[in-house]
Amino acid sequence: MVNLLPAVLIGGPPHAGKSVLFYGLTHALRERGIRHHAIRACPDGEGNWSQEGDPETVSQIRLPLKGEWPSAFVKRICLDLEHRCLPFLVDMGGHPRESQACILRQCTHSVLLLRDDREEYTQLWRRLVAENDLLPLAQVSSQREGTSTITSQTPLLEGIITGLERYDTATAKGPLFAALVELIATLFNSYSPQDLEKVFFEQAPTELVLDLYASLRTFAPTSIRWEPEMLAPFLASLPLQTPVSVYGAGPNWLYAALSAYTDPQPFYQFDPRLPFGWIQPLSLQISPAQFPEVLIETQNYQDVTKLTLQFPQKHLGYFQPDPLPFPPVPTDAGLIINGPIPFWLLTALVRLYKEAGDAWIAPYYVPSKKAVVVCSRVETHHPGDLVPMPTI
């Protein structure tokens, strides 16, 4: 069955500012309450964290792209797009290869961010849009300096956008950017995402459904994002030992903390990339065995263990036939979980090591350059505390 929900591809040549524009668009849409999902269809590990984080840290984490993308990654992204339950923004590499064509075919619309000095890429991306039957929404020229201007609004939005600088979260602005946000917001709202959400909530497998968008408005009306200092009072406002389904965008530590707080009751989270949306944390086990799709490194320090995960195929499928093995770690110390980890795996890891008896658990949060404690059985650490990464 063809998925009629829009999937807007942000395309264009390398180093045009696509990731910066993508970041600005998704945040502007969220500030307006436009429900959508932003998917990075590129195996370099980039995400919101790479725009918000320290440049040196980001450069160490981002993965250089060389050669063909792993076929398993491309297949998984295509399935994610096919099964989307919300409108999508899609960010992919600057020079797609034939092996990545299925990603383009799963999209419905396009926004091209081009460079005047790379005419060959302009022709390439125009051809890709036409060959894959994408409906053009905008074609924009990216320039480092100058004034952002609109040159045409019909039949598609055209103009110049300037100053798309990495690590500067305020660069996406001006009349053309505002017009682009309005264009995509109108498109996404035409598919009644609020009506979709109503269906999602009705299909939730638990009586209690936490809508993180509504929860933030209620708990911190003046805030536009969750901050670690909100965690302890927010958890205290929730009922104990109650099954819960969690919906909406939030930081990794928030999902991890909710998974720990509700343990051992059933915990569900909504992933708009997967069939039916509602999923539980992945099944895991403590074992010295190794799983080839996950590279695990443990580093033991005096009072903490750092558990770092990497994925050779740049993607890990949610559906696994057997529980995935993860190594035992000292339980008399804290645990920092590090790496570009899917939320459904992070929530599972927190429950696994909480049950094993770790003193405290904290996922690394790139924007703060520290780990955020999400659960603890010792008095020295509490949910919401920031912990620096250990050094030798």
Protein backbone atom coordinates (compact mmCIF):
# COMPACT_ATOMS: atom_id res chain seq x y z
CA MET A 1 0.00 0.00 0.00
CA VAL A 2 1.31 3.47 -0.91
CA ASN A 3 1.91 5.66 2.13
CA LEU A 4 0.16 8.98 1.46
CA LEU A 5 1.71 10.86 4.38
CA PRO A 6 4.22 13.42 3.07
CA ALA A 7 7.95 12.73 3.26
CA VAL A 8 9.85 15.89 2.30
CA LEU A 9 13.39 15.28 1.10
CA ILE A 10 15.97 18.00 1.81
CA GLY A 11 18.44 17.49 -1.04
CA GLY A 12 21.43 19.22 -2.54
CA PRO A 13 25.21 19.07 -2.93
CA PRO A 14 27.70 18.48 -0.13
CA HIS A 15 28.54 21.47 2.10
CA ALA A 16 25.50 23.50 1.09
CA GLY A 17 24.13 23.62 4.64
CA LYS A 18 21.47 20.91 4.35
CA SER A 19 21.93 19.59 7.89
CA VAL A 20 21.81 23.12 9.33
CA LEU A 21 18.65 23.94 7.37
CA PHE A 22 17.16 20.57 8.35
CA TYR A 23 17.82 21.29 12.02
CA GLY A 24 16.28 24.74 11.75
CA LEU A 25 13.18 23.43 9.98
CA THR A 26 12.40 20.64 12.43
CA HIS A 27 12.82 22.93 15.43
CA ALA A 28 10.70 25.67 13.88
CA LEU A 29 7.96 23.14 13.11
CA ARG A 30 8.05 21.74 16.63
CA GLU A 31 7.84 25.21 18.14
CA ARG A 32 4.64 25.67 16.13
CA GLY A 33 3.27 22.34 17.33
CA ILE A 34 3.50 20.71 13.87
CA ARG A 35 3.73 16.98 14.48
CA HIS A 36 6.32 15.28 12.31
CA HIS A 37 9.42 13.11 12.46
CA ALA A 38 12.90 14.14 11.28
CA ILE A 39 14.83 11.19 9.88
CA ARG A 40 18.52 11.28 8.99
CA ALA A 41 18.76 8.94 6.02
CA CYS A 42 22.54 9.01 6.00
CA PRO A 43 24.90 6.69 7.92
CA ASP A 44 27.25 9.41 9.23
CA GLY A 45 25.50 9.32 12.61
CA GLU A 46 24.52 12.98 12.39
CA GLY A 47 21.45 14.29 14.21
CA ASN A 48 20.21 17.25 16.26
CA TRP A 49 23.06 16.58 18.68
CA SER A 50 25.62 17.39 15.97
CA GLN A 51 24.20 20.90 15.60
CA GLU A 52 23.83 21.47 19.35
CA GLY A 53 27.03 19.83 20.58
CA ASP A 54 30.60 20.99 21.05
CA PRO A 55 32.37 21.04 17.64
CA GLU A 56 35.34 18.99 18.87
CA THR A 57 33.09 16.33 20.36
CA VAL A 58 30.93 16.22 17.23
CA SER A 59 33.96 15.80 14.98
CA GLN A 60 35.01 12.76 17.02
CA ILE A 61 31.58 11.13 16.84
CA ARG A 62 30.53 11.87 13.25
CA LEU A 63 31.49 9.07 10.88
CA PRO A 64 33.24 9.80 7.58
CA LEU A 65 31.37 8.48 4.54
CA LYS A 66 33.49 6.43 2.19
CA GLY A 67 32.23 4.21 -0.59
CA GLU A 68 28.86 2.50 -0.71
CA TRP A 69 26.47 2.76 2.18
CA PRO A 70 25.80 -0.54 3.98
CA SER A 71 22.93 -2.26 2.19
CA ALA A 72 21.29 -3.14 5.52
CA PHE A 73 21.20 0.56 6.43
CA VAL A 74 19.60 1.58 3.11
CA LYS A 75 17.02 -1.19 3.38
CA ARG A 76 16.14 -0.20 6.95
CA ILE A 77 15.73 3.47 6.03
CA CYS A 78 13.46 2.55 3.12
CA LEU A 79 11.31 0.45 5.46
CA ASP A 80 11.21 3.30 7.98
CA LEU A 81 9.93 5.63 5.28
CA GLU A 82 7.44 3.10 3.97
CA HIS A 83 5.97 2.53 7.43
CA ARG A 84 5.88 6.19 8.53
CA CYS A 85 3.01 7.11 10.83
CA LEU A 86 3.61 10.87 10.72
CA PRO A 87 4.79 13.35 8.08
CA PHE A 88 8.57 13.12 7.67
CA LEU A 89 11.45 15.44 6.95
CA VAL A 90 14.24 13.44 5.28
CA ASP A 91 17.93 14.38 5.19
CA MET A 92 20.31 12.34 3.04
CA GLY A 93 23.76 12.67 1.54
CA GLY A 94 24.82 15.14 -1.09
CA HIS A 95 25.55 12.66 -3.89
CA PRO A 96 23.11 9.71 -3.83
CA ARG A 97 24.18 6.56 -5.62
CA GLU A 98 21.98 4.16 -7.51
CA SER A 99 22.01 1.80 -4.52
CA GLN A 100 20.25 4.53 -2.48
CA ALA A 101 17.50 5.21 -5.04
CA CYS A 102 14.84 3.46 -2.94
CA ILE A 103 15.16 6.24 -0.35
CA LEU A 104 14.27 8.82 -2.98
CA ARG A 105 11.35 6.73 -4.24
CA GLN A 106 9.84 6.58 -0.74
CA CYS A 107 9.73 10.39 -0.52
CA THR A 108 6.85 12.52 -1.82
CA HIS A 109 8.17 16.10 -2.00
CA SER A 110 11.51 17.86 -2.31
CA VAL A 111 13.29 20.97 -1.07
CA LEU A 112 16.56 21.54 -2.93
CA LEU A 113 19.33 23.57 -1.30
CA LEU A 114 21.80 24.32 -4.09
CA ARG A 115 25.10 26.11 -4.65
CA ASP A 116 25.69 28.46 -7.56
CA ASP A 117 29.27 27.18 -7.92
CA ARG A 118 28.20 23.53 -8.27
CA GLU A 119 26.06 23.52 -11.42
CA GLU A 120 26.69 19.80 -11.97
CA TYR A 121 24.96 19.06 -8.67
CA THR A 122 22.08 21.35 -9.57
CA GLN A 123 21.47 19.28 -12.70
CA LEU A 124 21.92 16.02 -10.76
CA TRP A 125 19.37 16.90 -8.09
CA ARG A 126 16.84 18.25 -10.55
CA ARG A 127 17.12 14.99 -12.48
CA LEU A 128 16.73 12.90 -9.32
CA VAL A 129 13.61 14.84 -8.31
CA ALA A 130 12.07 14.34 -11.75
CA GLU A 131 13.02 10.67 -12.10
CA ASN A 132 11.58 9.78 -8.71
CA ASP A 133 8.34 11.75 -9.14
CA LEU A 134 8.94 14.07 -6.20
CA LEU A 135 6.75 17.15 -6.06
CA PRO A 136 9.07 20.20 -5.81
CA LEU A 137 8.24 22.57 -2.98
CA ALA A 138 11.28 24.84 -3.06
CA GLN A 139 14.59 25.40 -4.82
CA VAL A 140 16.92 27.58 -2.80
CA SER A 141 20.42 28.92 -3.36
CA SER A 142 22.70 28.70 -0.32
CA GLN A 143 25.23 31.49 0.17
CA ARG A 144 27.57 32.22 3.07
CA GLU A 145 27.00 35.97 3.08
CA GLY A 146 24.44 38.44 1.85
CA THR A 147 20.73 38.94 2.36
CA SER A 148 18.11 36.23 2.45
CA THR A 149 15.56 37.00 -0.27
CA ILE A 150 12.54 35.45 -1.98
CA THR A 151 12.64 35.65 -5.78
CA SER A 152 9.54 33.59 -6.57
CA GLN A 153 6.73 31.86 -4.69
CA THR A 154 4.99 30.14 -7.62
CA PRO A 155 5.00 27.51 -8.95
CA LEU A 156 7.58 26.77 -6.26
CA LEU A 157 9.40 28.77 -3.61
CA GLU A 158 12.73 30.15 -4.88
CA GLY A 159 15.32 32.52 -3.52
CA ILE A 160 18.53 32.89 -1.54
CA ILE A 161 19.23 31.78 2.01
CA THR A 162 22.40 32.91 3.74
CA GLY A 163 24.54 32.10 6.75
CA LEU A 164 23.78 28.41 7.23
CA GLU A 165 26.70 27.88 9.58
CA ARG A 166 27.19 24.62 11.46
CA TYR A 167 27.03 24.89 15.27
CA ASP A 168 25.14 28.19 15.09
CA THR A 169 21.55 27.30 15.96
CA ALA A 170 20.33 30.82 15.14
CA THR A 171 21.48 30.93 11.51
CA ALA A 172 18.28 29.58 9.95
CA LYS A 173 16.21 32.75 9.72
CA GLY A 174 15.03 35.45 7.32
CA PRO A 175 12.04 35.77 4.97
CA LEU A 176 12.85 32.76 2.82
CA PHE A 177 13.31 30.47 5.81
CA ALA A 178 10.02 31.73 7.30
CA ALA A 179 8.24 31.09 3.99
CA LEU A 180 9.71 27.59 3.80
CA VAL A 181 8.54 26.77 7.34
CA GLU A 182 5.04 28.04 6.46
CA LEU A 183 5.00 25.97 3.26
CA ILE A 184 5.94 22.73 5.01
CA ALA A 185 3.66 23.44 7.98
CA THR A 186 0.70 23.88 5.64
CA LEU A 187 1.55 20.63 3.87
CA PHE A 188 1.94 18.66 7.09
CA ASN A 189 -1.22 20.12 8.66
CA SER A 190 -3.26 19.17 5.60
CA TYR A 191 -2.88 15.54 6.72
CA SER A 192 -4.47 16.23 10.13
CA PRO A 193 -1.63 15.01 12.37
CA GLN A 194 -3.81 15.80 15.39
CA ASP A 195 -6.35 13.30 14.11
CA LEU A 196 -3.55 10.80 13.62
CA GLU A 197 -2.39 11.37 17.19
CA LYS A 198 -5.89 10.72 18.47
CA VAL A 199 -5.81 7.34 16.75
CA PHE A 200 -2.31 6.63 18.13
CA PHE A 201 -3.46 7.39 21.67
CA GLU A 202 -6.54 5.22 21.26
CA GLN A 203 -4.32 2.37 20.07
CA ALA A 204 -1.84 2.77 22.95
CA PRO A 205 -1.44 -0.53 24.83
CA THR A 206 -1.68 1.07 28.30
CA GLU A 207 -4.28 3.18 30.06
CA LEU A 208 -1.73 5.89 30.95
CA VAL A 209 -0.36 7.71 27.89
CA LEU A 210 2.29 10.40 28.40
CA ASP A 211 2.19 12.99 25.62
CA LEU A 212 5.57 14.69 26.05
CA TYR A 213 4.45 17.77 24.12
CA ALA A 214 1.48 18.35 26.42
CA SER A 215 3.50 17.33 29.49
CA LEU A 216 6.15 19.98 28.79
CA ARG A 217 3.50 22.68 28.30
CA THR A 218 1.88 21.70 31.61
CA PHE A 219 5.03 21.10 33.62
CA ALA A 220 7.14 24.00 32.30
CA PRO A 221 4.93 26.41 30.31
CA THR A 222 7.77 28.82 29.52
CA SER A 223 10.19 26.17 28.22
CA ILE A 224 10.50 24.95 24.64
CA ARG A 225 12.60 21.89 25.52
CA TRP A 226 13.21 19.46 28.36
CA GLU A 227 16.16 20.28 30.62
CA PRO A 228 17.88 17.86 33.06
CA GLU A 229 16.86 19.88 36.13
CA MET A 230 13.21 19.16 35.26
CA LEU A 231 13.68 15.42 35.52
CA ALA A 232 13.39 14.75 39.27
CA PRO A 233 10.23 16.85 39.84
CA PHE A 234 8.65 15.51 36.65
CA LEU A 235 9.18 11.89 37.74
CA ALA A 236 7.79 12.76 41.18
CA SER A 237 4.58 13.94 39.51
CA LEU A 238 3.96 10.53 37.92
CA PRO A 239 2.23 7.54 39.54
CA LEU A 240 4.48 4.71 40.73
CA GLN A 241 4.33 1.14 39.43
CA THR A 242 2.05 2.02 36.53
CA PRO A 243 2.32 0.77 32.95
CA VAL A 244 2.87 3.67 30.58
CA SER A 245 3.01 4.53 26.88
CA VAL A 246 5.20 7.51 25.95
CA TYR A 247 4.60 9.66 22.87
CA GLY A 248 6.47 12.65 21.47
CA ALA A 249 9.91 14.15 20.99
CA GLY A 250 12.22 14.30 23.98
CA PRO A 251 15.91 13.89 24.85
CA ASN A 252 17.47 10.46 25.28
CA TRP A 253 17.74 10.85 29.07
CA LEU A 254 14.02 11.53 29.42
CA TYR A 255 13.02 8.29 27.71
CA ALA A 256 15.69 6.41 29.66
CA ALA A 257 14.46 7.84 32.97
CA LEU A 258 10.81 7.00 32.24
CA SER A 259 11.80 3.45 31.35
CA ALA A 260 13.69 3.11 34.65
CA TYR A 261 10.99 4.83 36.73
CA THR A 262 8.22 2.51 35.52
CA ASP A 263 10.32 -0.67 35.73
CA PRO A 264 9.24 -3.50 36.02
CA GLN A 265 5.83 -2.45 34.67
CA PRO A 266 5.23 -2.54 30.90
CA PHE A 267 6.77 0.42 29.06
CA TYR A 268 5.91 1.41 25.49
CA GLN A 269 7.27 4.17 23.29
CA PHE A 270 6.00 5.46 19.98
CA ASP A 271 8.34 5.17 17.00
CA PRO A 272 6.78 6.65 13.83
CA ARG A 273 9.21 4.67 11.64
CA LEU A 274 7.94 1.24 12.68
CA PRO A 275 4.71 -0.61 11.84
CA PHE A 276 1.90 0.15 14.31
CA GLY A 277 4.09 2.73 16.10
CA TRP A 278 3.96 1.40 19.67
CA ILE A 279 6.96 -0.72 20.64
CA GLN A 280 8.59 -1.98 23.81
CA PRO A 281 12.29 -1.85 24.75
CA LEU A 282 14.33 -4.49 22.96
CA SER A 283 14.88 -7.84 24.66
CA LEU A 284 18.42 -8.03 26.11
CA GLN A 285 20.48 -10.29 28.37
CA ILE A 286 23.69 -10.06 30.39
CA SER A 287 26.17 -12.28 28.57
CA PRO A 288 29.84 -12.29 27.51
CA ALA A 289 28.73 -13.37 24.03
CA GLN A 290 29.18 -10.92 21.16
CA PHE A 291 26.64 -9.80 18.57
CA PRO A 292 28.33 -8.74 15.30
CA GLU A 293 25.90 -5.88 14.59
CA VAL A 294 26.84 -4.10 17.84
CA LEU A 295 30.42 -3.27 18.85
CA ILE A 296 30.68 -2.79 22.61
CA GLU A 297 33.58 -1.30 24.51
CA THR A 298 33.70 -1.09 28.30
CA GLN A 299 36.13 1.12 30.17
CA ASN A 300 36.34 0.79 33.95
CA TYR A 301 37.30 3.75 36.11
CA GLN A 302 37.40 4.15 39.87
CA ASP A 303 33.71 4.83 40.41
CA VAL A 304 32.15 4.49 36.96
CA THR A 305 32.07 2.23 33.92
CA LYS A 306 31.70 3.71 30.45
CA LEU A 307 29.80 1.49 28.01
CA THR A 308 30.27 2.67 24.40
CA LEU A 309 28.24 1.26 21.52
CA GLN A 310 28.96 1.43 17.79
CA PHE A 311 27.09 -0.11 14.88
CA PRO A 312 29.22 -1.36 11.95
CA GLN A 313 26.21 -1.37 9.62
CA LYS A 314 25.28 2.15 10.82
CA HIS A 315 21.83 0.86 11.72
CA LEU A 316 20.34 -1.76 14.03
CA GLY A 317 17.00 -3.34 13.20
CA TYR A 318 14.40 -3.34 15.95
CA PHE A 319 13.09 -6.80 15.14
CA GLN A 320 15.60 -9.32 16.51
CA PRO A 321 14.95 -13.09 16.83
CA ASP A 322 16.83 -13.50 20.13
CA PRO A 323 17.76 -11.33 23.12
CA LEU A 324 20.88 -9.30 22.35
CA PRO A 325 23.89 -9.96 24.64
CA PHE A 326 25.50 -7.17 26.65
CA PRO A 327 28.49 -7.60 28.96
CA PRO A 328 28.36 -7.66 32.76
CA VAL A 329 29.72 -4.52 34.42
CA PRO A 330 30.70 -3.77 38.05
CA THR A 331 27.57 -3.07 40.09
CA ASP A 332 29.36 -1.12 42.83
CA ALA A 333 29.99 1.72 40.36
CA GLY A 334 27.92 3.95 38.12
CA LEU A 335 27.35 3.30 34.42
CA ILE A 336 27.58 5.83 31.59
CA ILE A 337 26.01 4.67 28.32
CA ASN A 338 27.64 6.29 25.30
CA GLY A 339 27.03 6.22 21.55
CA PRO A 340 24.39 6.98 18.87
CA ILE A 341 21.84 4.58 20.35
CA PRO A 342 18.20 4.14 19.25
CA PHE A 343 15.84 5.09 22.05
CA TRP A 344 14.27 1.62 22.10
CA LEU A 345 17.71 0.13 22.75
CA LEU A 346 18.67 2.77 25.32
CA THR A 347 15.49 2.19 27.33
CA ALA A 348 16.21 -1.54 27.24
CA LEU A 349 19.81 -1.04 28.39
CA VAL A 350 18.71 1.07 31.33
CA ARG A 351 16.28 -1.60 32.49
CA LEU A 352 18.85 -4.35 31.95
CA TYR A 353 21.56 -2.73 34.07
CA LYS A 354 19.11 -1.37 36.63
CA GLU A 355 17.95 -4.92 37.25
CA ALA A 356 21.60 -6.03 37.43
CA GLY A 357 22.04 -3.62 40.35
CA ASP A 358 24.26 -0.84 39.00
CA ALA A 359 24.73 2.01 41.48
CA TRP A 360 23.47 4.62 39.02
CA ILE A 361 22.95 4.91 35.27
CA ALA A 362 23.44 7.94 33.01
CA PRO A 363 23.25 8.18 29.19
CA TYR A 364 25.67 10.63 27.60
CA TYR A 365 23.88 13.77 26.36
CA VAL A 366 25.90 15.54 23.66
CA PRO A 367 24.42 19.07 24.04
CA SER A 368 25.54 19.24 27.68
CA LYS A 369 28.83 17.38 27.06
CA LYS A 370 27.96 15.35 30.14
CA ALA A 371 25.90 12.31 31.09
CA VAL A 372 22.50 12.73 32.76
CA VAL A 373 21.66 10.44 35.68
CA VAL A 374 18.32 8.71 35.04
CA CYS A 375 18.15 6.31 37.99
CA SER A 376 20.16 5.67 41.15
CA ARG A 377 20.23 3.47 44.23
CA VAL A 378 22.87 5.57 46.02
CA GLU A 379 22.64 8.92 47.82
CA THR A 380 25.51 10.50 45.89
CA HIS A 381 23.62 10.62 42.59
CA HIS A 382 20.05 11.61 41.74
CA PRO A 383 17.95 11.74 38.54
CA GLY A 384 18.82 14.88 36.60
CA ASP A 385 22.38 15.18 37.96
CA LEU A 386 25.06 15.88 35.34
CA VAL A 387 28.13 13.66 35.37
CA PRO A 388 31.32 14.49 33.41
CA MET A 389 32.75 11.88 31.13
CA PRO A 390 35.63 10.08 32.90
CA THR A 391 39.18 10.54 31.72
CA ILE A 392 42.25 8.49 32.40
